[in-house]
Amino acid sequence: MPLAMIIVIGWLYVTILVAANEASLIAGILSFLFYGALPCGLILYFAGARVRRERRRYREMMAERAAAEAPPEQ
């Protein structure tokens, strides 16, 4: 994940510079959104997939452990 963050920061820097050189404000905003924010969002989403999967597995394991240690109901 740290490598993905470095890539995202660098890419956002480049797209901000490209957007600043566009002819109009609308063109700059659109180029930043489509060349910068959208691809970076996808990179971060896919890079965080393993972490989300491990967290889900950990929560399920803790729920199973809590259910096994719970006193029997009468």
PDB file of N, CA and C in Angstrom:
ATOM      1  N   MET A   1       0.816  -1.203   0.000  1.00  0.00           N
ATOM      2  CA  MET A   1       0.000   0.000   0.000  1.00  0.00           C
ATOM      3  C   MET A   1       0.862   1.271   0.000  1.00  0.00           C
ATOM      4  N   PRO A   2       2.011   1.314   0.713  1.00  0.00           N
ATOM      5  CA  PRO A   2       2.816   2.544   0.676  1.00  0.00           C
ATOM      6  C   PRO A   2       3.308   2.878  -0.733  1.00  0.00           C
ATOM      7  N   LEU A   3       3.644   1.869  -1.523  1.00  0.00           N
ATOM      8  CA  LEU A   3       4.076   2.125  -2.890  1.00  0.00           C
ATOM      9  C   LEU A   3       2.937   2.729  -3.705  1.00  0.00           C
ATOM     10  N   ALA A   4       1.736   2.252  -3.486  1.00  0.00           N
ATOM     11  CA  ALA A   4       0.579   2.799  -4.197  1.00  0.00           C
ATOM     12  C   ALA A   4       0.366   4.262  -3.815  1.00  0.00           C
ATOM     13  N   MET A   5       0.603   4.611  -2.569  1.00  0.00           N
ATOM     14  CA  MET A   5       0.436   6.005  -2.134  1.00  0.00           C
ATOM     15  C   MET A   5       1.459   6.909  -2.812  1.00  0.00           C
ATOM     16  N   ILE A   6       2.685   6.448  -2.965  1.00  0.00           N
ATOM     17  CA  ILE A   6       3.716   7.246  -3.635  1.00  0.00           C
ATOM     18  C   ILE A   6       3.340   7.463  -5.097  1.00  0.00           C
ATOM     19  N   ILE A   7       2.850   6.431  -5.737  1.00  0.00           N
ATOM     20  CA  ILE A   7       2.432   6.537  -7.134  1.00  0.00           C
ATOM     21  C   ILE A   7       1.267   7.515  -7.267  1.00  0.00           C
ATOM     22  N   VAL A   8       0.307   7.432  -6.367  1.00  0.00           N
ATOM     23  CA  VAL A   8      -0.862   8.311  -6.414  1.00  0.00           C
ATOM     24  C   VAL A   8      -0.451   9.764  -6.209  1.00  0.00           C
ATOM     25  N   ILE A   9       0.413  10.033  -5.249  1.00  0.00           N
ATOM     26  CA  ILE A   9       0.848  11.406  -4.996  1.00  0.00           C
ATOM     27  C   ILE A   9       1.571  11.970  -6.215  1.00  0.00           C
ATOM     28  N   GLY A  10       2.444  11.196  -6.805  1.00  0.00           N
ATOM     29  CA  GLY A  10       3.150  11.638  -8.003  1.00  0.00           C
ATOM     30  C   GLY A  10       2.209  11.884  -9.170  1.00  0.00           C
ATOM     31  N   TRP A  11       1.271  10.985  -9.364  1.00  0.00           N
ATOM     32  CA  TRP A  11       0.348  11.125 -10.486  1.00  0.00           C
ATOM     33  C   TRP A  11      -0.569  12.329 -10.283  1.00  0.00           C
ATOM     34  N   LEU A  12      -1.028  12.561  -9.060  1.00  0.00           N
ATOM     35  CA  LEU A  12      -1.866  13.731  -8.805  1.00  0.00           C
ATOM     36  C   LEU A  12      -1.095  15.023  -9.045  1.00  0.00           C
ATOM     37  N   TYR A  13       0.184  15.050  -8.687  1.00  0.00           N
ATOM     38  CA  TYR A  13       1.016  16.218  -8.957  1.00  0.00           C
ATOM     39  C   TYR A  13       1.086  16.494 -10.460  1.00  0.00           C
ATOM     40  N   VAL A  14       1.313  15.459 -11.232  1.00  0.00           N
ATOM     41  CA  VAL A  14       1.400  15.623 -12.686  1.00  0.00           C
ATOM     42  C   VAL A  14       0.068  16.096 -13.258  1.00  0.00           C
ATOM     43  N   THR A  15      -1.029  15.517 -12.819  1.00  0.00           N
ATOM     44  CA  THR A  15      -2.331  15.905 -13.380  1.00  0.00           C
ATOM     45  C   THR A  15      -2.739  17.304 -12.941  1.00  0.00           C
ATOM     46  N   ILE A  16      -2.329  17.742 -11.764  1.00  0.00           N
ATOM     47  CA  ILE A  16      -2.608  19.128 -11.365  1.00  0.00           C
ATOM     48  C   ILE A  16      -1.860  20.091 -12.280  1.00  0.00           C
ATOM     49  N   LEU A  17      -0.611  19.767 -12.610  1.00  0.00           N
ATOM     50  CA  LEU A  17       0.142  20.624 -13.528  1.00  0.00           C
ATOM     51  C   LEU A  17      -0.479  20.632 -14.922  1.00  0.00           C
ATOM     52  N   VAL A  18      -0.936  19.483 -15.383  1.00  0.00           N
ATOM     53  CA  VAL A  18      -1.586  19.418 -16.693  1.00  0.00           C
ATOM     54  C   VAL A  18      -2.887  20.214 -16.666  1.00  0.00           C
ATOM     55  N   ALA A  19      -3.665  20.070 -15.605  1.00  0.00           N
ATOM     56  CA  ALA A  19      -4.936  20.788 -15.499  1.00  0.00           C
ATOM     57  C   ALA A  19      -4.709  22.294 -15.424  1.00  0.00           C
ATOM     58  N   ALA A  20      -3.636  22.720 -14.790  1.00  0.00           N
ATOM     59  CA  ALA A  20      -3.343  24.154 -14.701  1.00  0.00           C
ATOM     60  C   ALA A  20      -2.993  24.744 -16.061  1.00  0.00           C
ATOM     61  N   ASN A  21      -2.529  23.938 -16.992  1.00  0.00           N
ATOM     62  CA  ASN A  21      -2.149  24.424 -18.319  1.00  0.00           C
ATOM     63  C   ASN A  21      -3.273  24.319 -19.343  1.00  0.00           C
ATOM     64  N   GLU A  22      -4.436  23.893 -18.932  1.00  0.00           N
ATOM     65  CA  GLU A  22      -5.558  23.796 -19.875  1.00  0.00           C
ATOM     66  C   GLU A  22      -6.059  25.195 -20.247  1.00  0.00           C
ATOM     67  N   ALA A  23      -6.759  25.264 -21.365  1.00  0.00           N
ATOM     68  CA  ALA A  23      -7.209  26.555 -21.893  1.00  0.00           C
ATOM     69  C   ALA A  23      -8.322  27.188 -21.062  1.00  0.00           C
ATOM     70  N   SER A  24      -9.204  26.374 -20.482  1.00  0.00           N
ATOM     71  CA  SER A  24     -10.303  26.927 -19.687  1.00  0.00           C
ATOM     72  C   SER A  24     -10.398  26.204 -18.354  1.00  0.00           C
ATOM     73  N   LEU A  25     -11.151  26.810 -17.460  1.00  0.00           N
ATOM     74  CA  LEU A  25     -11.332  26.223 -16.132  1.00  0.00           C
ATOM     75  C   LEU A  25     -12.061  24.876 -16.214  1.00  0.00           C
ATOM     76  N   ILE A  26     -13.086  24.812 -17.042  1.00  0.00           N
ATOM     77  CA  ILE A  26     -13.852  23.570 -17.194  1.00  0.00           C
ATOM     78  C   ILE A  26     -12.958  22.459 -17.741  1.00  0.00           C
ATOM     79  N   ALA A  27     -12.139  22.774 -18.727  1.00  0.00           N
ATOM     80  CA  ALA A  27     -11.231  21.772 -19.290  1.00  0.00           C
ATOM     81  C   ALA A  27     -10.224  21.316 -18.239  1.00  0.00           C
ATOM     82  N   GLY A  28      -9.757  22.229 -17.420  1.00  0.00           N
ATOM     83  CA  GLY A  28      -8.824  21.869 -16.353  1.00  0.00           C
ATOM     84  C   GLY A  28      -9.457  20.959 -15.323  1.00  0.00           C
ATOM     85  N   ILE A  29     -10.673  21.271 -14.922  1.00  0.00           N
ATOM     86  CA  ILE A  29     -11.384  20.440 -13.933  1.00  0.00           C
ATOM     87  C   ILE A  29     -11.650  19.049 -14.507  1.00  0.00           C
ATOM     88  N   LEU A  30     -12.120  19.003 -15.742  1.00  0.00           N
ATOM     89  CA  LEU A  30     -12.421  17.703 -16.357  1.00  0.00           C
ATOM     90  C   LEU A  30     -11.158  16.867 -16.551  1.00  0.00           C
ATOM     91  N   SER A  31     -10.086  17.495 -16.969  1.00  0.00           N
ATOM     92  CA  SER A  31      -8.847  16.728 -17.151  1.00  0.00           C
ATOM     93  C   SER A  31      -8.327  16.226 -15.811  1.00  0.00           C
ATOM     94  N   PHE A  32      -8.447  17.036 -14.758  1.00  0.00           N
ATOM     95  CA  PHE A  32      -8.018  16.554 -13.444  1.00  0.00           C
ATOM     96  C   PHE A  32      -8.884  15.390 -12.971  1.00  0.00           C
ATOM     97  N   LEU A  33     -10.189  15.496 -13.162  1.00  0.00           N
ATOM     98  CA  LEU A  33     -11.078  14.426 -12.705  1.00  0.00           C
ATOM     99  C   LEU A  33     -10.846  13.129 -13.473  1.00  0.00           C
ATOM    100  N   PHE A  34     -10.777  13.224 -14.811  1.00  0.00           N
ATOM    101  CA  PHE A  34     -10.690  12.006 -15.613  1.00  0.00           C
ATOM    102  C   PHE A  34      -9.281  11.453 -15.744  1.00  0.00           C
ATOM    103  N   TYR A  35      -8.259  12.312 -15.655  1.00  0.00           N
ATOM    104  CA  TYR A  35      -6.875  11.833 -15.742  1.00  0.00           C
ATOM    105  C   TYR A  35      -6.245  11.657 -14.371  1.00  0.00           C
ATOM    106  N   GLY A  36      -6.811  12.272 -13.340  1.00  0.00           N
ATOM    107  CA  GLY A  36      -6.197  12.241 -12.025  1.00  0.00           C
ATOM    108  C   GLY A  36      -7.004  11.516 -10.973  1.00  0.00           C
ATOM    109  N   ALA A  37      -8.160  12.066 -10.636  1.00  0.00           N
ATOM    110  CA  ALA A  37      -8.932  11.553  -9.502  1.00  0.00           C
ATOM    111  C   ALA A  37      -9.490  10.149  -9.758  1.00  0.00           C
ATOM    112  N   LEU A  38     -10.049   9.923 -10.917  1.00  0.00           N
ATOM    113  CA  LEU A  38     -10.640   8.615 -11.214  1.00  0.00           C
ATOM    114  C   LEU A  38      -9.595   7.492 -11.246  1.00  0.00           C
ATOM    115  N   PRO A  39      -8.487   7.632 -11.974  1.00  0.00           N
ATOM    116  CA  PRO A  39      -7.481   6.561 -11.953  1.00  0.00           C
ATOM    117  C   PRO A  39      -6.859   6.348 -10.571  1.00  0.00           C
ATOM    118  N   CYS A  40      -6.643   7.442  -9.836  1.00  0.00           N
ATOM    119  CA  CYS A  40      -6.056   7.301  -8.495  1.00  0.00           C
ATOM    120  C   CYS A  40      -7.027   6.609  -7.545  1.00  0.00           C
ATOM    121  N   GLY A  41      -8.304   6.918  -7.686  1.00  0.00           N
ATOM    122  CA  GLY A  41      -9.301   6.232  -6.871  1.00  0.00           C
ATOM    123  C   GLY A  41      -9.322   4.738  -7.138  1.00  0.00           C
ATOM    124  N   LEU A  42      -9.205   4.362  -8.400  1.00  0.00           N
ATOM    125  CA  LEU A  42      -9.162   2.941  -8.750  1.00  0.00           C
ATOM    126  C   LEU A  42      -7.903   2.262  -8.212  1.00  0.00           C
ATOM    127  N   ILE A  43      -6.773   2.943  -8.306  1.00  0.00           N
ATOM    128  CA  ILE A  43      -5.527   2.376  -7.777  1.00  0.00           C
ATOM    129  C   ILE A  43      -5.645   2.139  -6.280  1.00  0.00           C
ATOM    130  N   LEU A  44      -6.153   3.125  -5.549  1.00  0.00           N
ATOM    131  CA  LEU A  44      -6.281   2.979  -4.098  1.00  0.00           C
ATOM    132  C   LEU A  44      -7.303   1.910  -3.726  1.00  0.00           C
ATOM    133  N   TYR A  45      -8.378   1.799  -4.501  1.00  0.00           N
ATOM    134  CA  TYR A  45      -9.383   0.779  -4.226  1.00  0.00           C
ATOM    135  C   TYR A  45      -8.798  -0.623  -4.400  1.00  0.00           C
ATOM    136  N   PHE A  46      -8.094  -0.838  -5.499  1.00  0.00           N
ATOM    137  CA  PHE A  46      -7.516  -2.162  -5.741  1.00  0.00           C
ATOM    138  C   PHE A  46      -6.356  -2.448  -4.797  1.00  0.00           C
ATOM    139  N   ALA A  47      -5.596  -1.438  -4.425  1.00  0.00           N
ATOM    140  CA  ALA A  47      -4.478  -1.646  -3.500  1.00  0.00           C
ATOM    141  C   ALA A  47      -4.979  -1.981  -2.103  1.00  0.00           C
ATOM    142  N   GLY A  48      -6.149  -1.478  -1.733  1.00  0.00           N
ATOM    143  CA  GLY A  48      -6.692  -1.739  -0.411  1.00  0.00           C
ATOM    144  C   GLY A  48      -7.536  -3.001  -0.325  1.00  0.00           C
ATOM    145  N   ALA A  49      -7.671  -3.739  -1.409  1.00  0.00           N
ATOM    146  CA  ALA A  49      -8.517  -4.933  -1.411  1.00  0.00           C
ATOM    147  C   ALA A  49      -8.000  -5.988  -0.446  1.00  0.00           C
ATOM    148  N   ARG A  50      -6.692  -6.177  -0.394  1.00  0.00           N
ATOM    149  CA  ARG A  50      -6.124  -7.189   0.491  1.00  0.00           C
ATOM    150  C   ARG A  50      -6.355  -6.825   1.954  1.00  0.00           C
ATOM    151  N   VAL A  51      -6.223  -5.566   2.275  1.00  0.00           N
ATOM    152  CA  VAL A  51      -6.439  -5.119   3.653  1.00  0.00           C
ATOM    153  C   VAL A  51      -7.898  -5.315   4.047  1.00  0.00           C
ATOM    154  N   ARG A  52      -8.818  -4.964   3.157  1.00  0.00           N
ATOM    155  CA  ARG A  52     -10.235  -5.161   3.464  1.00  0.00           C
ATOM    156  C   ARG A  52     -10.564  -6.639   3.647  1.00  0.00           C
ATOM    157  N   ARG A  53      -9.977  -7.504   2.819  1.00  0.00           N
ATOM    158  CA  ARG A  53     -10.215  -8.944   2.925  1.00  0.00           C
ATOM    159  C   ARG A  53      -9.694  -9.484   4.253  1.00  0.00           C
ATOM    160  N   GLU A  54      -8.503  -9.036   4.674  1.00  0.00           N
ATOM    161  CA  GLU A  54      -7.934  -9.491   5.943  1.00  0.00           C
ATOM    162  C   GLU A  54      -8.754  -8.994   7.129  1.00  0.00           C
ATOM    163  N   ARG A  55      -9.235  -7.761   7.063  1.00  0.00           N
ATOM    164  CA  ARG A  55     -10.084  -7.242   8.143  1.00  0.00           C
ATOM    165  C   ARG A  55     -11.379  -8.029   8.254  1.00  0.00           C
ATOM    166  N   ARG A  56     -11.991  -8.362   7.121  1.00  0.00           N
ATOM    167  CA  ARG A  56     -13.229  -9.138   7.139  1.00  0.00           C
ATOM    168  C   ARG A  56     -12.985 -10.512   7.749  1.00  0.00           C
ATOM    169  N   ARG A  57     -11.872 -11.149   7.357  1.00  0.00           N
ATOM    170  CA  ARG A  57     -11.529 -12.462   7.886  1.00  0.00           C
ATOM    171  C   ARG A  57     -11.303 -12.392   9.397  1.00  0.00           C
ATOM    172  N   TYR A  58     -10.639 -11.323   9.859  1.00  0.00           N
ATOM    173  CA  TYR A  58     -10.383 -11.151  11.289  1.00  0.00           C
ATOM    174  C   TYR A  58     -11.695 -10.953  12.053  1.00  0.00           C
ATOM    175  N   ARG A  59     -12.608 -10.126  11.520  1.00  0.00           N
ATOM    176  CA  ARG A  59     -13.896  -9.919  12.201  1.00  0.00           C
ATOM    177  C   ARG A  59     -14.693 -11.212  12.280  1.00  0.00           C
ATOM    178  N   GLU A  60     -14.674 -12.007  11.211  1.00  0.00           N
ATOM    179  CA  GLU A  60     -15.388 -13.288  11.232  1.00  0.00           C
ATOM    180  C   GLU A  60     -14.774 -14.236  12.257  1.00  0.00           C
ATOM    181  N   MET A  61     -13.441 -14.260  12.333  1.00  0.00           N
ATOM    182  CA  MET A  61     -12.774 -15.114  13.300  1.00  0.00           C
ATOM    183  C   MET A  61     -13.117 -14.693  14.731  1.00  0.00           C
ATOM    184  N   MET A  62     -13.149 -13.390  14.988  1.00  0.00           N
ATOM    185  CA  MET A  62     -13.480 -12.907  16.328  1.00  0.00           C
ATOM    186  C   MET A  62     -14.941 -13.195  16.673  1.00  0.00           C
ATOM    187  N   ALA A  63     -15.833 -13.117  15.694  1.00  0.00           N
ATOM    188  CA  ALA A  63     -17.236 -13.432  15.943  1.00  0.00           C
ATOM    189  C   ALA A  63     -17.408 -14.913  16.260  1.00  0.00           C
ATOM    190  N   GLU A  64     -16.684 -15.774  15.546  1.00  0.00           N
ATOM    191  CA  GLU A  64     -16.752 -17.207  15.829  1.00  0.00           C
ATOM    192  C   GLU A  64     -16.196 -17.505  17.217  1.00  0.00           C
ATOM    193  N   ARG A  65     -15.096 -16.853  17.575  1.00  0.00           N
ATOM    194  CA  ARG A  65     -14.504 -17.063  18.895  1.00  0.00           C
ATOM    195  C   ARG A  65     -15.442 -16.588  20.001  1.00  0.00           C
ATOM    196  N   ALA A  66     -16.107 -15.446  19.797  1.00  0.00           N
ATOM    197  CA  ALA A  66     -17.050 -14.925  20.792  1.00  0.00           C
ATOM    198  C   ALA A  66     -18.247 -15.852  20.923  1.00  0.00           C
ATOM    199  N   ALA A  67     -18.705 -16.416  19.806  1.00  0.00           N
ATOM    200  CA  ALA A  67     -19.844 -17.336  19.858  1.00  0.00           C
ATOM    201  C   ALA A  67     -19.457 -18.628  20.574  1.00  0.00           C
ATOM    202  N   ALA A  68     -18.221 -19.082  20.399  1.00  0.00           N
ATOM    203  CA  ALA A  68     -17.778 -20.323  21.059  1.00  0.00           C
ATOM    204  C   ALA A  68     -17.573 -20.126  22.550  1.00  0.00           C
ATOM    205  N   GLU A  69     -17.177 -18.919  22.958  1.00  0.00           N
ATOM    206  CA  GLU A  69     -16.903 -18.659  24.371  1.00  0.00           C
ATOM    207  C   GLU A  69     -18.142 -18.171  25.133  1.00  0.00           C
ATOM    208  N   ALA A  70     -19.221 -17.888  24.432  1.00  0.00           N
ATOM    209  CA  ALA A  70     -20.441 -17.400  25.084  1.00  0.00           C
ATOM    210  C   ALA A  70     -21.046 -18.516  25.936  1.00  0.00           C
ATOM    211  N   PRO A  71     -21.551 -18.137  27.106  1.00  0.00           N
ATOM    212  CA  PRO A  71     -22.193 -19.158  27.948  1.00  0.00           C
ATOM    213  C   PRO A  71     -23.481 -19.656  27.299  1.00  0.00           C
ATOM    214  N   PRO A  72     -23.798 -20.914  27.503  1.00  0.00           N
ATOM    215  CA  PRO A  72     -25.016 -21.471  26.890  1.00  0.00           C
ATOM    216  C   PRO A  72     -26.267 -20.811  27.487  1.00  0.00           C
ATOM    217  N   GLU A  73     -27.236 -20.556  26.637  1.00  0.00           N
ATOM    218  CA  GLU A  73     -28.487 -19.931  27.093  1.00  0.00           C
ATOM    219  C   GLU A  73     -29.420 -20.997  27.626  1.00  0.00           C
ATOM    220  N   GLN A  74     -30.223 -20.599  28.601  1.00  0.00           N
ATOM    221  CA  GLN A  74     -31.160 -21.556  29.212  1.00  0.00           C
ATOM    222  C   GLN A  74     -32.567 -21.311  28.803  1.00  0.00           C
TER     223      GLN A  74
END
